[in-house]
N, C-alpha and C. Protein backbone atom coordinates (compact mmCIF):
# COMPACT_ATOMS: atom_id res chain seq x y z
N MET A 1 -3.57 -11.89 25.95
CA MET A 1 -4.81 -10.97 25.64
C MET A 1 -4.24 -9.71 24.60
N ARG A 2 -5.05 -9.69 23.80
CA ARG A 2 -4.69 -8.52 22.41
C ARG A 2 -4.51 -6.77 23.11
N VAL A 3 -3.46 -6.33 22.62
CA VAL A 3 -2.84 -5.25 23.11
C VAL A 3 -4.14 -4.04 22.25
N VAL A 4 -5.02 -3.30 22.41
CA VAL A 4 -5.76 -2.25 21.74
C VAL A 4 -4.89 -1.15 21.98
N LYS A 5 -4.49 -0.59 20.80
CA LYS A 5 -3.95 0.92 21.19
C LYS A 5 -4.50 2.08 20.49
N LYS A 6 -4.46 3.19 21.15
CA LYS A 6 -5.34 4.36 20.24
C LYS A 6 -4.81 4.66 19.09
N ALA A 7 -5.50 5.28 18.07
CA ALA A 7 -5.31 5.17 16.75
C ALA A 7 -3.97 6.13 16.54
N GLU A 8 -4.08 7.50 16.91
CA GLU A 8 -2.66 7.96 16.83
C GLU A 8 -1.35 7.27 17.30
N GLU A 9 -1.69 6.62 18.38
CA GLU A 9 -0.61 6.13 19.04
C GLU A 9 0.05 4.45 18.05
N ARG A 10 -1.08 4.23 17.60
CA ARG A 10 -0.86 2.98 16.56
C ARG A 10 -0.46 3.46 15.11
N ARG A 11 -0.87 4.45 14.71
CA ARG A 11 -0.41 5.30 13.44
C ARG A 11 1.34 5.64 13.60
N ASN A 12 1.44 6.37 14.28
CA ASN A 12 2.61 6.67 14.81
C ASN A 12 3.68 5.89 14.91
N GLU A 13 3.44 4.49 15.26
CA GLU A 13 4.25 3.21 15.61
C GLU A 13 4.52 2.78 14.01
N ILE A 14 3.73 2.72 13.38
CA ILE A 14 3.72 2.31 11.68
C ILE A 14 4.61 3.43 11.15
N LEU A 15 4.52 4.43 11.53
CA LEU A 15 5.14 5.70 10.88
C LEU A 15 7.04 5.66 11.22
N ASP A 16 6.92 5.29 12.65
CA ASP A 16 8.56 5.02 13.42
C ASP A 16 9.19 3.86 12.65
N ALA A 17 8.22 2.51 12.65
CA ALA A 17 8.89 1.36 11.93
C ALA A 17 9.41 1.75 10.34
N ALA A 18 8.19 2.36 9.52
CA ALA A 18 8.46 2.40 8.45
C ALA A 18 9.84 3.54 8.04
N ASP A 19 10.17 4.50 9.20
CA ASP A 19 10.88 5.51 9.29
C ASP A 19 12.31 4.75 9.04
N GLU A 20 12.36 3.98 10.17
CA GLU A 20 13.58 3.31 10.28
C GLU A 20 14.05 2.17 9.36
N LEU A 21 12.96 1.22 8.76
CA LEU A 21 13.12 0.20 7.74
C LEU A 21 13.47 0.86 6.12
N PHE A 22 12.36 2.31 6.28
CA PHE A 22 12.96 3.06 4.86
C PHE A 22 14.94 3.03 4.54
N GLY A 23 15.22 3.68 5.99
CA GLY A 23 16.44 4.21 6.27
C GLY A 23 17.51 3.02 6.07
N GLN A 24 17.28 1.87 6.23
CA GLN A 24 17.95 0.41 6.49
C GLN A 24 17.97 -0.27 5.14
N LYS A 25 16.61 -0.29 4.49
CA LYS A 25 16.34 -1.16 3.39
C LYS A 25 16.09 -0.51 2.21
N GLY A 26 15.76 0.88 2.34
CA GLY A 26 15.53 1.91 1.43
C GLY A 26 13.75 1.44 0.97
N PHE A 27 13.19 2.49 0.25
CA PHE A 27 11.66 2.50 0.03
C PHE A 27 11.57 1.46 -0.77
N ASP A 28 12.16 1.44 -2.17
CA ASP A 28 11.87 -0.13 -2.73
C ASP A 28 11.90 -1.17 -2.36
N GLY A 29 13.27 -1.60 -1.27
CA GLY A 29 13.59 -2.64 -0.56
C GLY A 29 12.76 -3.01 0.64
N THR A 30 11.92 -2.24 1.10
CA THR A 30 10.89 -2.19 2.12
C THR A 30 9.55 -2.87 1.63
N SER A 31 9.29 -3.78 2.43
CA SER A 31 7.73 -4.49 2.07
C SER A 31 6.72 -3.98 2.74
N THR A 32 5.90 -4.30 2.41
CA THR A 32 4.43 -4.10 3.67
C THR A 32 4.89 -5.21 4.75
N ASN A 33 4.76 -6.29 4.19
CA ASN A 33 5.33 -6.85 5.24
C ASN A 33 6.10 -6.99 6.37
N ASP A 34 7.24 -6.08 5.61
CA ASP A 34 8.26 -5.98 6.58
C ASP A 34 7.63 -4.78 7.73
N ILE A 35 7.10 -4.17 7.27
CA ILE A 35 6.38 -3.15 8.18
C ILE A 35 5.42 -3.93 9.24
N LEU A 36 4.41 -4.75 8.58
CA LEU A 36 3.77 -5.20 9.39
C LEU A 36 4.36 -6.38 10.62
N GLU A 37 5.84 -7.21 9.99
CA GLU A 37 6.27 -8.06 11.30
C GLU A 37 6.96 -6.81 12.02
N LYS A 38 7.91 -5.99 11.83
CA LYS A 38 8.48 -4.77 12.61
C LYS A 38 7.53 -4.52 13.91
N VAL A 39 5.94 -3.97 13.48
CA VAL A 39 5.26 -3.35 14.28
C VAL A 39 4.06 -4.71 14.70
N GLY A 40 4.22 -5.70 14.31
CA GLY A 40 3.56 -6.57 15.06
C GLY A 40 2.17 -6.70 15.04
N ILE A 41 1.53 -6.30 13.88
CA ILE A 41 0.21 -5.89 13.41
C ILE A 41 -0.64 -7.12 12.43
N ALA A 42 -1.68 -7.09 12.17
CA ALA A 42 -2.22 -7.58 10.97
C ALA A 42 -2.47 -6.63 9.61
N ARG A 43 -2.59 -7.06 8.86
CA ARG A 43 -2.56 -6.48 7.75
C ARG A 43 -3.80 -5.56 7.55
N GLY A 44 -4.85 -5.99 7.90
CA GLY A 44 -6.09 -5.07 8.31
C GLY A 44 -5.74 -3.81 8.63
N THR A 45 -4.89 -3.96 9.97
CA THR A 45 -4.69 -2.70 10.83
C THR A 45 -4.03 -1.73 10.18
N LEU A 46 -3.04 -2.30 9.65
CA LEU A 46 -2.01 -1.37 8.49
C LEU A 46 -3.24 -0.46 7.53
N TYR A 47 -3.68 -1.24 6.67
CA TYR A 47 -4.71 -0.27 5.86
C TYR A 47 -5.82 0.15 6.65
N HIS A 48 -6.05 -0.05 7.48
CA HIS A 48 -7.19 1.16 8.66
C HIS A 48 -6.27 2.50 8.66
N HIS A 49 -5.02 2.15 8.62
CA HIS A 49 -4.61 3.60 8.72
C HIS A 49 -3.99 4.39 7.71
N PHE A 50 -3.37 3.55 6.77
CA PHE A 50 -2.66 3.80 5.30
C PHE A 50 -3.14 3.00 4.24
N LYS A 51 -3.54 3.66 3.08
CA LYS A 51 -3.98 2.61 2.23
C LYS A 51 -2.60 1.68 1.17
N SER A 52 -1.39 2.39 1.38
CA SER A 52 -0.33 1.80 0.56
C SER A 52 1.00 2.12 1.59
N LYS A 53 1.96 1.74 1.08
CA LYS A 53 3.51 2.30 1.37
C LYS A 53 3.64 3.57 0.71
N GLU A 54 3.16 3.84 -0.42
CA GLU A 54 3.14 5.52 -0.95
C GLU A 54 2.50 6.20 0.43
N ASP A 55 1.41 5.97 0.38
CA ASP A 55 0.78 6.85 1.82
C ASP A 55 1.28 7.10 2.94
N ILE A 56 2.26 5.80 3.62
CA ILE A 56 3.09 5.82 4.57
C ILE A 56 4.14 6.90 4.41
N MET A 57 4.64 6.72 3.08
CA MET A 57 6.21 7.85 2.86
C MET A 57 5.51 9.29 3.01
N ASP A 58 4.15 9.80 2.25
CA ASP A 58 3.20 10.87 1.94
C ASP A 58 3.16 11.25 3.83
N ALA A 59 2.74 10.39 4.73
CA ALA A 59 2.66 11.16 6.16
C ALA A 59 4.00 11.10 6.46
N LEU A 60 4.99 10.28 6.40
CA LEU A 60 6.52 10.55 6.86
C LEU A 60 6.95 12.20 6.52
N ILE A 61 6.56 12.59 5.13
CA ILE A 61 7.02 13.64 4.94
C ILE A 61 5.92 14.91 5.66
N ASP A 62 5.14 14.67 5.90
CA ASP A 62 4.20 15.73 6.65
C ASP A 62 4.57 15.68 7.93
N ARG A 63 5.30 14.55 8.62
CA ARG A 63 5.63 14.46 9.88
C ARG A 63 7.11 15.04 10.19
N TYR A 64 7.86 15.11 9.10
CA TYR A 64 9.04 15.69 8.71
C TYR A 64 8.79 17.14 8.72
N ASN A 65 7.51 17.90 7.72
CA ASN A 65 7.84 19.01 7.62
C ASN A 65 7.55 19.58 9.51
N VAL A 66 6.46 19.27 9.87
CA VAL A 66 5.88 19.38 10.99
C VAL A 66 7.05 19.65 12.15
N ARG A 67 7.97 18.83 12.15
CA ARG A 67 9.30 18.76 12.85
C ARG A 67 10.22 19.75 12.64
N LEU A 68 10.23 20.09 10.87
CA LEU A 68 11.20 21.06 10.81
C LEU A 68 10.92 22.49 11.28
N LEU A 69 9.80 22.48 10.88
CA LEU A 69 9.32 24.02 10.96
C LEU A 69 9.52 24.21 12.52
N ASP A 70 9.04 23.55 13.26
CA ASP A 70 8.85 23.93 14.50
C ASP A 70 10.03 23.44 15.27
N GLY A 71 11.36 22.77 14.47
CA GLY A 71 12.59 23.05 15.09
C GLY A 71 13.33 24.21 14.72
N ALA A 72 12.96 24.80 13.67
CA ALA A 72 13.25 26.14 12.96
C ALA A 72 12.89 27.46 13.88
N ARG A 73 11.16 27.47 14.49
CA ARG A 73 10.82 28.11 15.00
C ARG A 73 11.61 28.09 16.80
N GLU A 74 11.74 27.31 17.09
CA GLU A 74 12.44 27.07 18.40
C GLU A 74 13.99 27.62 18.43
N ILE A 75 14.86 27.47 17.32
CA ILE A 75 16.08 28.40 17.38
C ILE A 75 15.67 29.54 17.12
N ALA A 76 14.84 29.63 16.03
CA ALA A 76 14.50 31.50 15.85
C ALA A 76 14.34 32.56 16.97
N ALA A 77 13.28 31.40 18.42
CA ALA A 77 13.21 31.91 19.33
C ALA A 77 14.45 32.40 20.50
N ASP A 78 15.35 31.61 20.05
CA ASP A 78 16.57 31.71 21.35
C ASP A 78 17.30 32.93 21.12
N LYS A 79 16.94 33.78 21.87
CA LYS A 79 17.81 35.04 21.57
C LYS A 79 19.05 34.98 22.50
N SER A 80 19.30 34.05 23.02
CA SER A 80 20.82 33.93 23.48
C SER A 80 21.79 33.64 22.17
N ILE A 81 21.30 33.30 21.24
CA ILE A 81 21.99 33.11 19.82
C ILE A 81 22.11 34.16 19.59
N PRO A 82 23.52 34.75 18.64
CA PRO A 82 23.67 36.06 17.88
C PRO A 82 22.65 35.67 16.80
N VAL A 83 22.08 36.96 16.23
CA VAL A 83 21.22 37.09 14.74
C VAL A 83 21.74 35.91 14.00
N VAL A 84 23.25 36.67 13.25
CA VAL A 84 23.96 35.73 11.95
C VAL A 84 23.73 34.21 12.19
N GLU A 85 24.45 33.95 13.71
CA GLU A 85 24.41 32.56 13.66
C GLU A 85 23.18 31.66 13.91
N ARG A 86 22.27 32.68 14.25
CA ARG A 86 20.95 32.09 14.51
C ARG A 86 20.04 31.76 12.74
N ILE A 87 20.39 32.54 12.20
CA ILE A 87 19.88 32.48 10.87
C ILE A 87 20.77 31.38 10.14
N ILE A 88 21.94 31.37 10.30
CA ILE A 88 22.33 29.97 9.72
C ILE A 88 21.87 28.52 10.65
N ARG A 89 21.68 28.45 12.13
CA ARG A 89 21.21 27.42 12.57
C ARG A 89 19.66 27.14 11.71
N VAL A 90 18.81 28.18 11.74
CA VAL A 90 17.62 27.94 11.13
C VAL A 90 17.64 27.21 10.06
N VAL A 91 18.41 27.50 8.77
CA VAL A 91 18.48 27.16 7.58
C VAL A 91 18.82 25.69 7.61
N MET A 92 19.82 25.53 8.51
CA MET A 92 20.59 23.99 8.86
C MET A 92 19.40 22.97 9.44
N ALA A 93 18.91 23.27 10.46
CA ALA A 93 17.71 22.94 11.05
C ALA A 93 16.76 22.35 9.80
N LEU A 94 16.66 22.87 8.83
CA LEU A 94 15.55 22.72 7.48
C LEU A 94 16.17 21.39 6.97
N ASN A 95 17.00 21.13 7.09
CA ASN A 95 17.39 20.28 6.13
C ASN A 95 16.95 18.53 7.03
N LEU A 96 16.47 17.90 5.99
CA LEU A 96 15.62 16.31 6.50
C LEU A 96 17.14 15.75 7.28
N SER A 97 16.94 15.27 8.44
CA SER A 97 18.05 14.13 9.03
C SER A 97 16.64 13.36 9.90
N GLY A 98 17.61 11.97 9.92
CA GLY A 98 16.68 10.80 10.42
C GLY A 98 17.00 9.56 9.38
N GLY A 99 16.16 8.57 10.13
CA GLY A 99 16.72 7.28 9.25
C GLY A 99 16.37 7.37 7.89
N SER A 100 15.18 7.84 7.68
CA SER A 100 15.15 7.78 6.18
C SER A 100 14.84 9.03 5.31
N SER A 101 15.89 9.98 5.86
CA SER A 101 16.15 10.82 5.27
C SER A 101 16.40 11.16 3.68
N LYS A 102 17.53 10.08 3.27
CA LYS A 102 17.98 9.96 1.93
C LYS A 102 16.69 9.64 1.38
N GLU A 103 15.91 8.26 1.51
CA GLU A 103 14.97 7.64 1.13
C GLU A 103 13.81 8.91 0.93
N ILE A 104 13.49 9.56 1.66
CA ILE A 104 12.62 10.37 1.36
C ILE A 104 13.09 11.38 0.23
N MET A 105 14.21 11.92 0.33
CA MET A 105 14.41 13.09 -0.69
C MET A 105 14.75 12.65 -2.00
N GLU A 106 15.27 10.94 -2.04
CA GLU A 106 15.17 10.12 -3.29
C GLU A 106 13.89 9.69 -3.98
N HIS A 107 12.94 9.83 -3.15
CA HIS A 107 11.60 9.18 -3.37
C HIS A 107 10.55 10.42 -4.14
N ILE A 108 11.10 11.24 -3.39
CA ILE A 108 10.04 12.83 -3.88
C ILE A 108 10.73 13.39 -5.29
N HIS A 109 12.29 13.02 -5.54
CA HIS A 109 12.70 13.45 -6.60
C HIS A 109 12.38 12.38 -7.90
N LYS A 110 11.49 11.26 -7.67
CA LYS A 110 11.05 10.58 -8.77
C LYS A 110 10.14 11.41 -9.57
N PRO A 111 10.15 11.60 -10.80
CA PRO A 111 9.07 12.31 -11.64
C PRO A 111 7.82 11.86 -11.04
N GLN A 112 7.19 10.95 -11.05
CA GLN A 112 5.95 10.54 -10.31
C GLN A 112 5.64 10.83 -9.14
N ASN A 113 6.72 11.46 -8.42
CA ASN A 113 6.47 12.17 -7.34
C ASN A 113 6.49 13.43 -7.20
N ALA A 114 6.20 14.14 -8.29
CA ALA A 114 6.16 15.64 -8.61
C ALA A 114 5.62 16.40 -7.58
N LEU A 115 4.23 15.90 -7.48
CA LEU A 115 3.32 16.71 -6.51
C LEU A 115 3.72 16.56 -4.97
N MET A 116 4.67 15.38 -4.70
CA MET A 116 4.93 15.58 -3.45
C MET A 116 5.91 16.41 -2.94
N HIS A 117 7.18 16.69 -4.04
CA HIS A 117 8.30 17.38 -4.14
C HIS A 117 7.51 18.79 -3.81
N GLN A 118 6.05 19.07 -5.06
CA GLN A 118 5.86 20.67 -5.05
C GLN A 118 5.02 20.97 -3.69
N LYS A 119 4.55 19.54 -2.94
CA LYS A 119 4.36 19.80 -1.80
C LYS A 119 4.88 20.06 -0.37
N ILE A 120 6.17 19.88 -0.36
CA ILE A 120 7.26 20.04 0.66
C ILE A 120 7.75 21.43 0.13
N GLN A 121 7.99 21.70 -1.23
CA GLN A 121 8.68 23.14 -1.26
C GLN A 121 7.35 24.28 -1.13
N LYS A 122 6.17 23.60 -0.92
CA LYS A 122 5.12 24.70 -0.75
C LYS A 122 5.49 25.31 0.71
N VAL A 123 5.05 24.14 1.44
CA VAL A 123 5.70 24.10 3.12
C VAL A 123 6.81 25.06 3.17
N ILE A 124 8.03 24.83 2.66
CA ILE A 124 9.25 25.67 3.06
C ILE A 124 8.76 26.87 2.59
N ILE A 125 8.57 27.21 1.40
CA ILE A 125 8.51 28.59 0.87
C ILE A 125 7.41 29.40 1.53
N ASN A 126 6.13 29.06 2.16
CA ASN A 126 5.44 29.38 2.81
C ASN A 126 5.87 29.69 4.56
N GLY A 127 6.14 28.32 4.93
CA GLY A 127 6.69 28.30 6.37
C GLY A 127 8.18 29.13 6.78
N VAL A 128 8.90 29.09 6.16
CA VAL A 128 10.60 29.32 6.56
C VAL A 128 10.30 31.12 6.34
N PRO A 129 10.06 31.74 5.28
CA PRO A 129 10.15 33.07 5.35
C PRO A 129 9.56 33.75 6.75
N PRO A 130 8.64 33.90 7.19
CA PRO A 130 8.00 34.40 8.51
C PRO A 130 9.12 34.42 9.76
N ILE A 131 9.91 33.08 9.97
CA ILE A 131 11.07 32.44 10.76
C ILE A 131 11.91 33.34 10.61
N LEU A 132 12.57 33.46 9.34
CA LEU A 132 13.71 34.48 9.48
C LEU A 132 13.23 35.58 9.24
N THR A 133 11.82 36.59 8.98
CA THR A 133 11.94 37.28 9.11
C THR A 133 12.00 38.15 10.26
N GLU A 134 11.47 37.63 11.20
CA GLU A 134 11.54 37.73 12.85
C GLU A 134 12.87 38.04 13.17
N ILE A 135 14.03 37.25 12.70
CA ILE A 135 15.22 37.36 13.09
C ILE A 135 15.92 38.60 12.60
N ILE A 136 15.44 38.81 11.17
CA ILE A 136 15.96 40.11 10.65
C ILE A 136 15.80 41.24 11.02
N ARG A 137 14.47 41.27 11.39
CA ARG A 137 13.69 42.44 12.49
C ARG A 137 14.78 42.50 13.44
N GLU A 138 15.30 41.70 14.00
CA GLU A 138 16.36 41.68 15.23
C GLU A 138 17.58 42.51 14.66
N GLY A 139 18.15 42.07 13.63
CA GLY A 139 19.02 42.77 13.13
C GLY A 139 18.77 43.80 12.72
N ILE A 140 17.97 44.67 12.41
CA ILE A 140 17.65 45.58 11.77
C ILE A 140 17.62 46.44 12.79
N GLU A 141 17.12 46.48 14.11
CA GLU A 141 17.42 47.03 15.43
C GLU A 141 18.37 47.19 15.96
N GLN A 142 19.14 45.83 15.65
CA GLN A 142 20.64 46.15 16.12
C GLN A 142 21.87 46.71 15.19
N GLY A 143 21.14 47.10 14.12
CA GLY A 143 22.07 48.15 13.09
C GLY A 143 22.88 46.82 12.17
N LEU A 144 22.38 45.74 12.63
CA LEU A 144 23.24 44.69 11.54
C LEU A 144 22.69 44.55 10.19
N PHE A 145 21.52 45.00 9.98
CA PHE A 145 20.92 45.03 8.38
C PHE A 145 20.01 46.17 8.49
N SER A 146 19.85 46.68 6.98
CA SER A 146 19.41 47.64 6.74
C SER A 146 18.39 47.55 5.44
N THR A 147 17.29 47.21 5.83
CA THR A 147 16.18 46.81 4.52
C THR A 147 14.35 47.01 5.10
N PRO A 148 13.46 47.65 4.33
CA PRO A 148 12.36 48.28 4.31
C PRO A 148 11.62 46.87 4.08
N PHE A 149 12.24 46.01 3.52
CA PHE A 149 11.08 44.73 3.19
C PHE A 149 12.09 43.54 3.83
N PRO A 150 11.95 42.89 4.86
CA PRO A 150 12.47 41.98 5.56
C PRO A 150 11.77 40.60 5.03
N TYR A 151 10.52 40.71 5.05
CA TYR A 151 9.91 39.36 4.60
C TYR A 151 9.95 39.30 3.44
N GLU A 152 9.72 40.33 2.33
CA GLU A 152 10.03 40.05 0.89
C GLU A 152 11.78 39.70 0.18
N CYS A 153 12.64 39.90 1.14
CA CYS A 153 13.73 39.64 0.95
C CYS A 153 14.28 37.80 1.70
N MET A 154 13.53 37.67 2.45
CA MET A 154 13.56 36.31 3.09
C MET A 154 13.09 35.13 2.06
N GLU A 155 11.90 35.84 1.36
CA GLU A 155 10.97 35.31 0.69
C GLU A 155 11.73 34.92 -0.69
N MET A 156 12.79 35.99 -1.31
CA MET A 156 13.17 35.54 -2.07
C MET A 156 14.87 34.86 -2.06
N VAL A 157 15.17 34.86 -0.70
CA VAL A 157 16.27 33.90 -0.71
C VAL A 157 15.92 32.69 -0.39
N VAL A 158 14.77 32.45 0.35
CA VAL A 158 14.12 30.81 0.42
C VAL A 158 14.12 30.01 -0.86
N ILE A 159 13.30 31.04 -1.58
CA ILE A 159 13.04 30.21 -3.13
C ILE A 159 14.26 30.17 -3.67
N TYR A 160 15.03 31.43 -3.80
CA TYR A 160 16.24 30.69 -4.50
C TYR A 160 16.85 29.55 -4.16
N ALA A 161 17.28 29.44 -2.76
CA ALA A 161 18.19 28.72 -2.22
C ALA A 161 17.16 26.98 -2.45
N ASN A 162 16.31 27.52 -2.23
CA ASN A 162 15.28 26.00 -2.47
C ASN A 162 15.00 25.31 -3.70
N THR A 163 15.34 26.42 -4.91
CA THR A 163 15.35 25.45 -6.35
C THR A 163 16.82 25.54 -6.68
N VAL A 164 17.57 26.69 -6.69
CA VAL A 164 18.49 26.38 -7.42
C VAL A 164 19.77 25.41 -6.73
N PHE A 165 19.86 25.44 -5.62
CA PHE A 165 20.56 24.56 -4.63
C PHE A 165 19.75 23.17 -4.34
N ASP A 166 18.87 22.77 -5.27
CA ASP A 166 18.20 21.15 -5.26
C ASP A 166 18.81 21.08 -6.72
N ASP A 167 19.80 19.87 -6.79
CA ASP A 167 20.30 19.26 -7.31
C ASP A 167 19.35 18.52 -8.56
N ASP A 168 18.14 18.11 -7.96
CA ASP A 168 17.06 17.91 -9.20
C ASP A 168 16.50 19.00 -10.08
N MET A 169 16.62 20.17 -9.63
CA MET A 169 16.19 20.96 -10.42
C MET A 169 17.55 22.15 -11.09
N VAL A 170 18.40 21.94 -10.42
CA VAL A 170 19.44 22.70 -11.46
C VAL A 170 20.97 21.78 -10.90
N PRO A 171 21.09 21.12 -12.08
CA PRO A 171 22.54 20.20 -12.16
C PRO A 171 23.92 21.01 -12.01
N MET A 172 24.80 20.73 -10.90
CA MET A 172 25.75 21.69 -11.15
C MET A 172 27.03 20.84 -10.65
N THR A 173 28.27 21.19 -11.18
CA THR A 173 29.20 20.35 -10.73
C THR A 173 29.69 21.28 -9.26
N ASN A 174 30.72 20.67 -8.74
CA ASN A 174 31.13 21.46 -7.35
C ASN A 174 31.55 22.90 -7.66
N GLU A 175 32.53 22.85 -8.68
CA GLU A 175 32.93 24.16 -8.85
C GLU A 175 31.89 25.35 -9.37
N GLU A 176 30.68 24.79 -9.81
CA GLU A 176 29.43 25.56 -10.15
C GLU A 176 28.88 25.96 -8.55
N ARG A 177 28.83 24.84 -7.71
CA ARG A 177 27.80 25.14 -6.80
C ARG A 177 28.66 26.32 -5.97
N VAL A 178 30.05 26.31 -5.74
CA VAL A 178 30.76 26.89 -5.00
C VAL A 178 30.77 28.44 -5.65
N SER A 179 30.80 28.47 -6.70
CA SER A 179 30.22 30.05 -7.70
C SER A 179 28.76 30.28 -7.34
N ARG A 180 28.16 29.69 -7.62
CA ARG A 180 26.49 30.10 -6.91
C ARG A 180 26.62 30.54 -5.48
N MET A 181 27.29 29.47 -4.47
CA MET A 181 26.74 30.33 -3.45
C MET A 181 27.94 31.54 -2.96
N LEU A 182 28.61 31.68 -3.25
CA LEU A 182 29.38 32.95 -3.43
C LEU A 182 28.57 34.26 -3.44
N ALA A 183 28.23 33.97 -4.97
CA ALA A 183 27.32 34.95 -5.35
C ALA A 183 25.79 35.24 -4.83
N PHE A 184 25.23 33.81 -4.22
CA PHE A 184 24.37 33.97 -3.35
C PHE A 184 24.36 34.65 -1.82
N VAL A 185 25.69 34.61 -1.03
CA VAL A 185 25.73 35.14 -0.05
C VAL A 185 25.93 36.64 -0.28
N CYS A 186 26.64 36.96 -1.64
CA CYS A 186 27.08 38.14 -1.78
C CYS A 186 25.81 38.94 -1.90
N ASN A 187 24.86 38.28 -2.94
CA ASN A 187 23.51 39.09 -3.06
C ASN A 187 22.95 39.05 -1.73
N VAL A 188 22.65 38.45 -0.84
CA VAL A 188 21.96 38.46 0.61
C VAL A 188 22.49 39.61 1.13
N GLU A 189 23.63 39.65 1.30
CA GLU A 189 24.02 40.80 2.04
C GLU A 189 23.69 42.32 1.33
N ARG A 190 23.60 42.36 0.11
CA ARG A 190 23.23 43.50 -0.48
C ARG A 190 21.84 43.64 -0.20
N LEU A 191 20.95 42.51 -0.38
CA LEU A 191 19.56 42.65 0.07
C LEU A 191 19.02 43.12 1.49
N LEU A 192 19.98 42.51 2.11
CA LEU A 192 19.79 42.77 3.69
C LEU A 192 20.60 44.32 4.05
N GLY A 193 21.26 44.92 3.25
CA GLY A 193 22.18 46.06 3.53
C GLY A 193 22.86 45.93 4.57
N ALA A 194 23.42 44.74 4.64
CA ALA A 194 24.58 43.92 5.91
C ALA A 194 25.94 44.24 5.20
N GLU A 195 27.42 44.52 6.42
CA GLU A 195 28.20 45.06 5.70
C GLU A 195 28.67 43.59 4.82
N SER A 196 29.44 44.31 3.53
CA SER A 196 30.19 42.96 2.98
C SER A 196 30.88 42.32 3.82
N GLY A 197 30.73 40.80 3.22
CA GLY A 197 31.56 39.61 4.33
C GLY A 197 30.86 39.23 5.66
N SER A 198 30.14 39.99 6.11
CA SER A 198 29.70 39.36 7.41
C SER A 198 28.55 38.53 7.46
N LEU A 199 28.28 38.07 6.20
CA LEU A 199 27.42 36.73 6.15
C LEU A 199 28.28 35.72 5.76
N MET A 200 29.10 35.58 5.51
CA MET A 200 30.06 34.78 4.57
C MET A 200 30.25 33.34 5.22
N ASP A 201 29.90 33.36 6.71
CA ASP A 201 29.87 32.09 7.45
C ASP A 201 28.58 31.20 7.13
N VAL A 202 27.76 31.83 6.31
CA VAL A 202 26.38 31.42 5.77
C VAL A 202 26.99 30.21 4.75
N MET A 203 28.16 30.32 4.32
CA MET A 203 28.73 29.03 3.51
C MET A 203 28.80 28.07 4.30
N GLN A 204 28.88 28.01 5.54
CA GLN A 204 29.17 26.41 6.32
C GLN A 204 27.89 25.65 5.82
N MET A 205 26.49 26.24 5.50
CA MET A 205 25.38 25.54 6.06
C MET A 205 25.50 24.51 4.23
N PHE A 206 26.16 24.72 3.63
CA PHE A 206 26.48 24.40 2.25
C PHE A 206 27.59 23.50 2.04
N GLY A 207 28.53 23.58 2.79
CA GLY A 207 29.43 22.67 2.91
C GLY A 207 30.56 23.60 2.06
N GLY A 208 30.39 24.48 1.00
CA GLY A 208 31.15 25.07 0.36
C GLY A 208 32.35 25.33 0.27
N GLY A 209 33.05 25.45 1.84
CA GLY A 209 34.48 25.41 1.79
C GLY A 209 35.18 24.27 1.79
N GLU A 210 34.30 23.14 2.00
CA GLU A 210 35.06 21.81 1.29
C GLU A 210 35.04 21.21 0.47
N GLU A 211 34.00 21.77 -0.66
CA GLU A 211 34.00 21.50 -1.82
C GLU A 211 34.91 22.09 -2.85
N SER A 212 35.17 23.19 -2.62
CA SER A 212 35.76 24.03 -3.55
C SER A 212 37.10 23.63 -4.17
N SER A 213 37.81 22.61 -3.31
CA SER A 213 39.07 21.94 -3.40
C SER A 213 39.14 21.13 -4.59
N HIS A 214 38.06 20.34 -4.90
CA HIS A 214 37.86 19.24 -5.68
C HIS A 214 36.68 19.24 -6.36
N GLU A 215 36.43 18.20 -7.48
CA GLU A 215 35.28 18.11 -7.83
C GLU A 215 34.38 16.68 -8.18
């Protein structure tokens, strides 16, 4: 007897299968036949939900965006975590993770996928500053920060981090990256009116301490 599943359930099954396959075989190395075989569906069923393999990748990116922002909000709302540590955790939560994360990043950085890259950047630039702003306001109340522009500060920080630390946008050697990180943290402290050195732990987000010794 043929099993009939709800559209959303079937769609998620296809995305889960593609996510795993892209991680194992790469985007270019995965065929629609691979996805069909893994899910156990007919080609017509696949095309009922997605027009192409690229359309599946777009949907995966949308799903990651939702998960990333939801994860960041959950961390931001946990007031048992100290303010500075929460800021670090929120930014770390924004890193793509999962089976196809590498493939997703490689895919969106291809020239033909510039609009897809822009789509992810738009989500981050519009979605992350409000999350971080709430934490900064807590820090102001606790006397850790002093700025009349918490949202604007976070907007500047997110835009800079999202462009300069994107290897596709600004190619850098390890030495140049470490220098940018130090300058970034130093200027964020100034923007927020924080005590000098109080945010240096933020370097952990980028692995700065490990890269400085070799190129």
